[in-house]
Structures are given as C-alpha cells and as structure tokens.
C-alpha cells in the first residue's frame, strides 16, 4: 500500500502518459534501453546517455527480467530529486535473461534518487506484485493506447 507521504499512488506520480510507448520495435536489450533513455530525456530532461549507462550497468549486475514476459530495468542516479518511470510495450518480445527463460514484452524502466531508498523500493514492490498477476499483464498487453496503459499502471496498489 502507498504510504501517507504520497498524495497519490506512487506509480501515478512518476508515470505521465508521455512516458508510455506502445509497440516499440527494439530488436535487442541495448536498443530497448537506448529507447528508454530517449523517452525519459524527451519528457524529463535527464540525459539519455546517463539513463542508458546506468540501466545497462544495472543489467550487467544481473537481469531485471522478472519472468512472465516482464522486466523492470532500474537504477539510482545521484542528484535525482524524485523517481522517474517509463513504460514500454514491445512489438516483439526480447530475450532478457529472465529467470523463467521467457522473452520480455512489458518493460517498466525506473530511475530513482540515491537517497532516500525506501520510496523506490516501495515502487519496485508495487510493480513486481502487480506484474505477478496474469490478469494485470493481460490487460496491459491489450491496452489500446497510452492512456489506457497509464490508467492500469496508475491504479496499482
């Protein structure tokens, strides 16, 4: 459950409709992370290379693929004031070294400040819990547009 510090659901607070991209044809994990960087830069001003480099560095520590066709690439960025989220639904699933071996098509990129840690851990827990539910994944996979996808994501929790 969201803590009292959030005026709204924490996912809704970090994910404007402008940071949702449906039907991306990425072709590789690196290309996906580059596109996440471009999307975040265009909507938040955070440098796309910084986004790419930090997300890629985190992937090198271990895959952020959760299984069930979902990945949550995430990283911490020094100087960031609040978490930033982006959601990408891929046109064609990508290998993401997920624990179940299944390719990924639903991707939530999360950038978080280095401090405090608790809000970003809460966001990761909310996302992981929601993505664990097949009905939620199915609804998100079928969302006809960014507004519908955001409505689903904004109501997690």
N, C-alpha and C. Protein backbone atom coordinates (compact mmCIF):
# COMPACT_ATOMS: atom_id res chain seq x y z
N UNK A 1 0.84 -1.19 0.00
CA UNK A 1 0.00 0.00 0.00
C UNK A 1 0.87 1.24 0.00
N UNK A 2 0.46 2.27 -0.70
CA UNK A 2 1.22 3.51 -0.68
C UNK A 2 1.25 4.11 0.72
N UNK A 3 2.38 4.70 1.06
CA UNK A 3 2.48 5.34 2.37
C UNK A 3 1.80 6.71 2.32
N UNK A 4 1.61 7.29 3.48
CA UNK A 4 0.95 8.57 3.58
C UNK A 4 1.73 9.71 2.94
N UNK A 5 3.01 9.48 2.65
CA UNK A 5 3.83 10.55 2.06
C UNK A 5 3.42 10.84 0.63
N UNK A 6 2.75 9.92 -0.02
CA UNK A 6 2.37 10.13 -1.41
C UNK A 6 0.97 10.71 -1.47
N UNK A 7 0.81 11.79 -2.21
CA UNK A 7 -0.51 12.38 -2.37
C UNK A 7 -1.37 11.49 -3.25
N UNK A 8 -0.74 10.71 -4.09
CA UNK A 8 -1.45 9.77 -4.96
C UNK A 8 -0.65 8.50 -5.03
N UNK A 9 -1.17 7.53 -5.73
CA UNK A 9 -0.43 6.31 -5.95
C UNK A 9 0.97 6.67 -6.46
N UNK A 10 2.02 6.05 -5.90
CA UNK A 10 3.38 6.44 -6.32
C UNK A 10 3.68 6.17 -7.79
N UNK A 11 3.03 5.19 -8.38
CA UNK A 11 3.24 4.92 -9.81
C UNK A 11 2.64 6.06 -10.63
N UNK A 12 1.43 6.49 -10.26
CA UNK A 12 0.77 7.60 -10.96
C UNK A 12 1.62 8.85 -10.88
N UNK A 13 2.30 9.05 -9.76
CA UNK A 13 3.09 10.25 -9.56
C UNK A 13 4.34 10.31 -10.44
N UNK A 14 4.84 9.15 -10.86
CA UNK A 14 6.11 9.13 -11.61
C UNK A 14 5.94 8.76 -13.09
N UNK A 15 4.70 8.48 -13.51
CA UNK A 15 4.48 7.99 -14.87
C UNK A 15 3.42 8.80 -15.61
N UNK A 16 3.83 9.90 -16.24
CA UNK A 16 2.87 10.62 -17.08
C UNK A 16 2.61 9.82 -18.37
N UNK A 17 1.51 10.07 -18.98
CA UNK A 17 1.16 9.39 -20.23
C UNK A 17 2.26 9.58 -21.29
N UNK A 18 2.96 10.70 -21.24
CA UNK A 18 4.01 11.00 -22.23
C UNK A 18 5.22 10.07 -22.11
N UNK A 19 5.31 9.31 -21.02
CA UNK A 19 6.42 8.35 -20.86
C UNK A 19 5.94 6.92 -21.03
N UNK A 20 4.94 6.74 -21.87
CA UNK A 20 4.46 5.41 -22.21
C UNK A 20 4.58 5.23 -23.72
N UNK A 21 5.23 4.16 -24.12
CA UNK A 21 5.47 3.88 -25.52
C UNK A 21 4.99 2.46 -25.81
N UNK A 22 4.01 2.34 -26.70
CA UNK A 22 3.45 1.03 -27.04
C UNK A 22 3.85 0.64 -28.46
N UNK A 23 4.23 -0.63 -28.62
CA UNK A 23 4.56 -1.14 -29.95
C UNK A 23 5.97 -0.87 -30.41
N UNK A 24 6.89 -0.64 -29.49
CA UNK A 24 8.29 -0.38 -29.87
C UNK A 24 8.92 -1.62 -30.49
N UNK A 25 9.59 -1.42 -31.60
CA UNK A 25 10.38 -2.48 -32.23
C UNK A 25 11.83 -2.23 -31.87
N UNK A 26 12.33 -2.92 -30.86
CA UNK A 26 13.67 -2.65 -30.34
C UNK A 26 14.73 -3.58 -30.94
N UNK A 27 14.47 -4.87 -31.01
CA UNK A 27 15.43 -5.80 -31.59
C UNK A 27 16.49 -6.33 -30.64
N UNK A 28 16.84 -5.56 -29.60
CA UNK A 28 17.83 -6.01 -28.63
C UNK A 28 17.60 -5.30 -27.30
N UNK A 29 18.16 -5.88 -26.24
CA UNK A 29 18.05 -5.28 -24.92
C UNK A 29 18.71 -3.90 -24.91
N UNK A 30 19.90 -3.79 -25.53
CA UNK A 30 20.58 -2.49 -25.56
C UNK A 30 19.75 -1.44 -26.28
N UNK A 31 19.16 -1.82 -27.39
CA UNK A 31 18.32 -0.87 -28.14
C UNK A 31 17.11 -0.45 -27.31
N UNK A 32 16.53 -1.38 -26.59
CA UNK A 32 15.42 -1.05 -25.70
C UNK A 32 15.86 -0.02 -24.65
N UNK A 33 17.01 -0.24 -24.04
CA UNK A 33 17.50 0.69 -23.02
C UNK A 33 17.83 2.06 -23.62
N UNK A 34 18.32 2.07 -24.87
CA UNK A 34 18.55 3.35 -25.57
C UNK A 34 17.23 4.08 -25.77
N UNK A 35 16.20 3.35 -26.19
CA UNK A 35 14.88 3.96 -26.40
C UNK A 35 14.30 4.47 -25.09
N UNK A 36 14.51 3.73 -24.01
CA UNK A 36 14.06 4.21 -22.69
C UNK A 36 14.77 5.52 -22.36
N UNK A 37 16.05 5.61 -22.66
CA UNK A 37 16.80 6.85 -22.43
C UNK A 37 16.26 8.01 -23.24
N UNK A 38 15.94 7.75 -24.50
CA UNK A 38 15.38 8.80 -25.35
C UNK A 38 14.02 9.26 -24.83
N UNK A 39 13.19 8.31 -24.45
CA UNK A 39 11.86 8.63 -23.94
C UNK A 39 11.93 9.45 -22.65
N UNK A 40 12.80 9.03 -21.75
CA UNK A 40 12.94 9.75 -20.48
C UNK A 40 13.55 11.12 -20.69
N UNK A 41 14.56 11.23 -21.55
CA UNK A 41 15.15 12.54 -21.82
C UNK A 41 14.12 13.50 -22.40
N UNK A 42 13.31 13.02 -23.34
CA UNK A 42 12.33 13.89 -24.01
C UNK A 42 11.26 14.40 -23.06
N UNK A 43 11.00 13.68 -21.99
CA UNK A 43 9.90 14.04 -21.11
C UNK A 43 10.34 14.54 -19.73
N UNK A 44 11.63 14.40 -19.41
CA UNK A 44 12.09 14.83 -18.09
C UNK A 44 13.37 15.65 -18.13
N UNK A 45 14.07 15.61 -19.26
CA UNK A 45 15.32 16.35 -19.37
C UNK A 45 16.54 15.61 -18.85
N UNK A 46 16.36 14.42 -18.29
CA UNK A 46 17.51 13.63 -17.83
C UNK A 46 18.24 13.11 -19.06
N UNK A 47 19.54 13.30 -19.11
CA UNK A 47 20.34 12.94 -20.28
C UNK A 47 20.17 11.47 -20.65
N UNK A 48 19.87 11.22 -21.92
CA UNK A 48 19.61 9.85 -22.39
C UNK A 48 20.80 8.93 -22.21
N UNK A 49 22.02 9.45 -22.35
CA UNK A 49 23.20 8.60 -22.17
C UNK A 49 23.37 8.20 -20.71
N UNK A 50 23.04 9.11 -19.80
CA UNK A 50 23.08 8.79 -18.37
C UNK A 50 22.06 7.70 -18.05
N UNK A 51 20.87 7.83 -18.59
CA UNK A 51 19.82 6.83 -18.38
C UNK A 51 20.31 5.48 -18.93
N UNK A 52 20.76 5.47 -20.18
CA UNK A 52 21.23 4.23 -20.81
C UNK A 52 22.37 3.61 -20.01
N UNK A 53 23.38 4.42 -19.68
CA UNK A 53 24.56 3.89 -18.99
C UNK A 53 24.21 3.30 -17.63
N UNK A 54 23.35 3.97 -16.87
CA UNK A 54 23.02 3.46 -15.54
C UNK A 54 22.14 2.21 -15.63
N UNK A 55 21.20 2.20 -16.56
CA UNK A 55 20.36 1.00 -16.72
C UNK A 55 21.19 -0.19 -17.22
N UNK A 56 22.09 0.06 -18.17
CA UNK A 56 22.94 -1.01 -18.68
C UNK A 56 23.88 -1.54 -17.59
N UNK A 57 24.44 -0.65 -16.80
CA UNK A 57 25.32 -1.08 -15.71
C UNK A 57 24.56 -1.97 -14.73
N UNK A 58 23.31 -1.63 -14.45
CA UNK A 58 22.49 -2.45 -13.54
C UNK A 58 22.21 -3.81 -14.17
N UNK A 59 21.93 -3.85 -15.47
CA UNK A 59 21.67 -5.13 -16.15
C UNK A 59 22.89 -6.04 -16.10
N UNK A 60 24.08 -5.44 -16.15
CA UNK A 60 25.31 -6.24 -16.11
C UNK A 60 25.49 -6.92 -14.76
N UNK A 61 24.87 -6.36 -13.72
CA UNK A 61 24.92 -6.99 -12.39
C UNK A 61 24.01 -8.21 -12.31
N UNK A 62 23.00 -8.24 -13.15
CA UNK A 62 22.03 -9.33 -13.17
C UNK A 62 20.78 -8.84 -13.87
N UNK A 63 20.13 -9.72 -14.57
CA UNK A 63 18.95 -9.34 -15.34
C UNK A 63 17.85 -8.81 -14.44
N UNK A 64 17.17 -7.79 -14.93
CA UNK A 64 16.00 -7.26 -14.23
C UNK A 64 14.72 -7.87 -14.79
N UNK A 65 14.87 -8.92 -15.59
CA UNK A 65 13.70 -9.67 -16.06
C UNK A 65 13.09 -10.41 -14.89
N UNK A 66 11.78 -10.25 -14.72
CA UNK A 66 11.09 -10.89 -13.59
C UNK A 66 10.55 -12.26 -13.94
N UNK A 67 10.31 -12.48 -15.24
CA UNK A 67 9.58 -13.66 -15.67
C UNK A 67 8.21 -13.23 -16.15
N UNK A 68 7.47 -14.14 -16.75
CA UNK A 68 6.12 -13.86 -17.27
C UNK A 68 6.12 -12.75 -18.32
N UNK A 69 7.25 -12.55 -19.01
CA UNK A 69 7.30 -11.53 -20.07
C UNK A 69 7.50 -10.12 -19.57
N UNK A 70 7.99 -9.95 -18.34
CA UNK A 70 8.12 -8.63 -17.72
C UNK A 70 9.56 -8.36 -17.29
N UNK A 71 9.98 -7.11 -17.47
CA UNK A 71 11.27 -6.66 -16.94
C UNK A 71 11.08 -5.28 -16.31
N UNK A 72 11.85 -5.04 -15.25
CA UNK A 72 11.84 -3.72 -14.62
C UNK A 72 13.28 -3.24 -14.50
N UNK A 73 13.86 -2.78 -15.63
CA UNK A 73 15.20 -2.21 -15.54
C UNK A 73 15.16 -0.98 -14.64
N UNK A 74 16.09 -0.90 -13.72
CA UNK A 74 16.08 0.21 -12.77
C UNK A 74 17.50 0.57 -12.36
N UNK A 75 17.63 1.82 -11.92
CA UNK A 75 18.93 2.28 -11.44
C UNK A 75 18.74 3.49 -10.55
N UNK A 76 19.79 3.81 -9.84
CA UNK A 76 19.82 5.00 -8.99
C UNK A 76 20.71 6.04 -9.66
N UNK A 77 20.28 7.29 -9.59
CA UNK A 77 21.04 8.36 -10.20
C UNK A 77 21.27 9.45 -9.16
N UNK A 78 22.52 9.74 -8.92
CA UNK A 78 22.89 10.78 -7.97
C UNK A 78 22.35 12.13 -8.44
N UNK A 79 21.79 12.88 -7.52
CA UNK A 79 21.27 14.21 -7.85
C UNK A 79 19.82 14.22 -8.29
N UNK A 80 19.27 13.06 -8.58
CA UNK A 80 17.86 12.98 -8.96
C UNK A 80 17.02 13.30 -7.72
N UNK A 81 16.01 14.14 -7.89
CA UNK A 81 15.19 14.57 -6.76
C UNK A 81 14.03 13.62 -6.46
N UNK A 82 13.49 12.99 -7.51
CA UNK A 82 12.38 12.06 -7.32
C UNK A 82 12.44 10.99 -8.38
N UNK A 83 11.76 9.89 -8.12
CA UNK A 83 11.76 8.77 -9.06
C UNK A 83 11.12 9.17 -10.39
N UNK A 84 11.57 8.51 -11.44
CA UNK A 84 11.06 8.72 -12.79
C UNK A 84 10.76 7.35 -13.38
N UNK A 85 9.57 7.20 -13.95
CA UNK A 85 9.20 5.93 -14.55
C UNK A 85 8.87 6.08 -16.02
N UNK A 86 9.04 4.99 -16.76
CA UNK A 86 8.64 4.93 -18.17
C UNK A 86 8.17 3.51 -18.43
N UNK A 87 7.11 3.38 -19.23
CA UNK A 87 6.61 2.05 -19.57
C UNK A 87 6.70 1.87 -21.07
N UNK A 88 7.25 0.72 -21.47
CA UNK A 88 7.37 0.39 -22.89
C UNK A 88 6.80 -1.01 -23.11
N UNK A 89 5.91 -1.10 -24.10
CA UNK A 89 5.41 -2.41 -24.53
C UNK A 89 6.02 -2.69 -25.89
N UNK A 90 6.74 -3.78 -25.96
CA UNK A 90 7.46 -4.13 -27.19
C UNK A 90 6.54 -4.78 -28.22
N UNK A 91 6.81 -4.49 -29.49
CA UNK A 91 6.06 -5.12 -30.57
C UNK A 91 6.41 -6.61 -30.64
N UNK A 92 7.69 -6.92 -30.44
CA UNK A 92 8.16 -8.30 -30.47
C UNK A 92 8.96 -8.55 -29.20
N UNK A 93 8.64 -9.60 -28.45
CA UNK A 93 9.35 -9.89 -27.21
C UNK A 93 10.85 -10.08 -27.43
N UNK A 94 11.62 -9.68 -26.41
CA UNK A 94 13.09 -9.78 -26.44
C UNK A 94 13.59 -10.73 -25.36
N UNK A 95 14.68 -11.41 -25.67
CA UNK A 95 15.35 -12.19 -24.64
C UNK A 95 15.90 -11.23 -23.60
N UNK A 96 15.63 -11.50 -22.34
CA UNK A 96 16.05 -10.60 -21.26
C UNK A 96 16.73 -11.38 -20.15
N UNK A 97 17.09 -12.63 -20.41
CA UNK A 97 17.69 -13.49 -19.39
C UNK A 97 16.82 -13.58 -18.14
N UNK A 98 15.51 -13.62 -18.35
CA UNK A 98 14.57 -13.73 -17.22
C UNK A 98 14.70 -15.10 -16.58
N UNK A 99 14.37 -15.21 -15.31
CA UNK A 99 14.52 -16.49 -14.61
C UNK A 99 13.72 -17.64 -15.23
N UNK A 100 12.59 -17.33 -15.86
CA UNK A 100 11.79 -18.40 -16.47
C UNK A 100 12.17 -18.65 -17.93
N UNK A 101 13.16 -17.90 -18.44
CA UNK A 101 13.63 -18.08 -19.80
C UNK A 101 12.72 -17.50 -20.87
N UNK A 102 11.59 -16.91 -20.47
CA UNK A 102 10.64 -16.36 -21.44
C UNK A 102 11.08 -14.96 -21.87
N UNK A 103 10.85 -14.62 -23.15
CA UNK A 103 11.18 -13.28 -23.61
C UNK A 103 10.25 -12.24 -22.99
N UNK A 104 10.70 -11.01 -23.01
CA UNK A 104 10.01 -9.90 -22.34
C UNK A 104 9.32 -9.00 -23.36
N UNK A 105 8.11 -8.59 -23.05
CA UNK A 105 7.42 -7.61 -23.89
C UNK A 105 6.88 -6.43 -23.09
N UNK A 106 6.80 -6.55 -21.76
CA UNK A 106 6.33 -5.47 -20.90
C UNK A 106 7.50 -4.98 -20.07
N UNK A 107 7.85 -3.70 -20.22
CA UNK A 107 9.04 -3.16 -19.58
C UNK A 107 8.71 -1.87 -18.84
N UNK A 108 9.02 -1.83 -17.56
CA UNK A 108 8.87 -0.60 -16.78
C UNK A 108 10.26 -0.18 -16.36
N UNK A 109 10.75 0.94 -16.90
CA UNK A 109 12.06 1.48 -16.52
C UNK A 109 11.87 2.43 -15.35
N UNK A 110 12.70 2.28 -14.33
CA UNK A 110 12.59 3.10 -13.14
C UNK A 110 13.95 3.70 -12.79
N UNK A 111 13.97 5.01 -12.67
CA UNK A 111 15.16 5.72 -12.19
C UNK A 111 14.81 6.27 -10.82
N UNK A 112 15.73 6.13 -9.88
CA UNK A 112 15.46 6.57 -8.52
C UNK A 112 16.62 7.38 -7.98
N UNK A 113 16.32 8.28 -7.05
CA UNK A 113 17.40 9.00 -6.38
C UNK A 113 18.23 8.03 -5.53
N UNK A 114 19.46 8.41 -5.24
CA UNK A 114 20.29 7.55 -4.38
C UNK A 114 19.76 7.56 -2.94
N UNK A 115 19.15 8.66 -2.52
CA UNK A 115 18.54 8.78 -1.19
C UNK A 115 17.26 9.57 -1.33
N UNK A 116 16.22 9.28 -0.59
CA UNK A 116 16.05 8.11 0.26
C UNK A 116 15.75 6.86 -0.58
N UNK A 117 16.05 5.72 -0.03
CA UNK A 117 15.90 4.46 -0.74
C UNK A 117 14.48 3.91 -0.65
N UNK A 118 13.83 4.09 0.47
CA UNK A 118 12.53 3.46 0.74
C UNK A 118 11.47 3.72 -0.33
N UNK A 119 11.26 4.96 -0.81
CA UNK A 119 10.21 5.15 -1.82
C UNK A 119 10.42 4.32 -3.09
N UNK A 120 11.65 4.22 -3.55
CA UNK A 120 11.88 3.44 -4.78
C UNK A 120 11.72 1.95 -4.53
N UNK A 121 12.06 1.48 -3.35
CA UNK A 121 11.83 0.07 -3.02
C UNK A 121 10.34 -0.22 -2.97
N UNK A 122 9.57 0.73 -2.47
CA UNK A 122 8.12 0.57 -2.43
C UNK A 122 7.55 0.50 -3.85
N UNK A 123 8.05 1.35 -4.73
CA UNK A 123 7.58 1.35 -6.12
C UNK A 123 7.93 0.01 -6.78
N UNK A 124 9.15 -0.46 -6.59
CA UNK A 124 9.54 -1.76 -7.16
C UNK A 124 8.65 -2.88 -6.64
N UNK A 125 8.34 -2.85 -5.35
CA UNK A 125 7.49 -3.89 -4.76
C UNK A 125 6.07 -3.83 -5.35
N UNK A 126 5.53 -2.63 -5.51
CA UNK A 126 4.20 -2.49 -6.11
C UNK A 126 4.18 -3.02 -7.53
N UNK A 127 5.20 -2.65 -8.32
CA UNK A 127 5.28 -3.10 -9.70
C UNK A 127 5.41 -4.62 -9.77
N UNK A 128 6.32 -5.18 -8.98
CA UNK A 128 6.54 -6.63 -9.01
C UNK A 128 5.27 -7.38 -8.63
N UNK A 129 4.56 -6.87 -7.63
CA UNK A 129 3.32 -7.51 -7.21
C UNK A 129 2.26 -7.47 -8.30
N UNK A 130 2.11 -6.33 -8.93
CA UNK A 130 1.10 -6.20 -9.99
C UNK A 130 1.46 -7.07 -11.20
N UNK A 131 2.73 -7.03 -11.61
CA UNK A 131 3.15 -7.80 -12.77
C UNK A 131 3.12 -9.31 -12.52
N UNK A 132 3.05 -9.71 -11.28
CA UNK A 132 2.95 -11.13 -10.95
C UNK A 132 1.56 -11.68 -11.26
N UNK A 133 0.59 -10.78 -11.40
CA UNK A 133 -0.79 -11.20 -11.66
C UNK A 133 -1.05 -11.30 -13.17
N UNK A 134 -1.42 -12.49 -13.59
CA UNK A 134 -1.65 -12.72 -15.02
C UNK A 134 -2.70 -11.78 -15.60
N UNK A 135 -3.78 -11.54 -14.87
CA UNK A 135 -4.86 -10.69 -15.40
C UNK A 135 -4.35 -9.26 -15.64
N UNK A 136 -3.47 -8.79 -14.77
CA UNK A 136 -2.90 -7.44 -14.95
C UNK A 136 -2.02 -7.41 -16.20
N UNK A 137 -1.17 -8.41 -16.35
CA UNK A 137 -0.29 -8.48 -17.53
C UNK A 137 -1.13 -8.55 -18.81
N UNK A 138 -2.18 -9.35 -18.78
CA UNK A 138 -3.04 -9.49 -19.95
C UNK A 138 -3.72 -8.16 -20.30
N UNK A 139 -4.21 -7.46 -19.29
CA UNK A 139 -4.87 -6.17 -19.53
C UNK A 139 -3.87 -5.16 -20.10
N UNK A 140 -2.67 -5.14 -19.54
CA UNK A 140 -1.65 -4.20 -20.01
C UNK A 140 -1.21 -4.54 -21.44
N UNK A 141 -1.13 -5.82 -21.73
CA UNK A 141 -0.76 -6.25 -23.09
C UNK A 141 -1.82 -5.87 -24.11
N UNK A 142 -3.07 -5.79 -23.67
CA UNK A 142 -4.18 -5.47 -24.57
C UNK A 142 -4.57 -4.00 -24.57
N UNK A 143 -3.94 -3.19 -23.72
CA UNK A 143 -4.30 -1.77 -23.64
C UNK A 143 -4.18 -1.13 -25.02
N UNK A 144 -5.25 -0.47 -25.50
CA UNK A 144 -5.24 0.04 -26.87
C UNK A 144 -4.40 1.30 -27.08
N UNK A 145 -4.09 2.01 -26.00
CA UNK A 145 -3.33 3.25 -26.14
C UNK A 145 -2.63 3.59 -24.83
N UNK A 146 -1.80 4.65 -24.86
CA UNK A 146 -1.03 5.05 -23.68
C UNK A 146 -1.92 5.44 -22.52
N UNK A 147 -3.05 6.08 -22.80
CA UNK A 147 -3.95 6.50 -21.72
C UNK A 147 -4.50 5.28 -20.98
N UNK A 148 -4.88 4.25 -21.71
CA UNK A 148 -5.39 3.03 -21.08
C UNK A 148 -4.30 2.32 -20.29
N UNK A 149 -3.10 2.26 -20.83
CA UNK A 149 -1.98 1.63 -20.13
C UNK A 149 -1.67 2.41 -18.85
N UNK A 150 -1.66 3.74 -18.92
CA UNK A 150 -1.37 4.54 -17.74
C UNK A 150 -2.45 4.34 -16.68
N UNK A 151 -3.70 4.27 -17.09
CA UNK A 151 -4.79 4.06 -16.13
C UNK A 151 -4.57 2.75 -15.35
N UNK A 152 -4.17 1.71 -16.04
CA UNK A 152 -3.89 0.43 -15.37
C UNK A 152 -2.71 0.57 -14.39
N UNK A 153 -1.62 1.15 -14.87
CA UNK A 153 -0.42 1.29 -14.05
C UNK A 153 -0.64 2.24 -12.88
N UNK A 154 -1.42 3.29 -13.08
CA UNK A 154 -1.65 4.29 -12.04
C UNK A 154 -2.54 3.76 -10.92
N UNK A 155 -3.20 2.64 -11.16
CA UNK A 155 -4.08 2.08 -10.13
C UNK A 155 -3.49 0.89 -9.40
N UNK A 156 -2.20 0.66 -9.58
CA UNK A 156 -1.52 -0.41 -8.84
C UNK A 156 -1.52 -0.05 -7.35
N UNK A 157 -1.76 -1.04 -6.54
CA UNK A 157 -1.62 -0.81 -5.10
C UNK A 157 -2.83 -0.87 -4.31
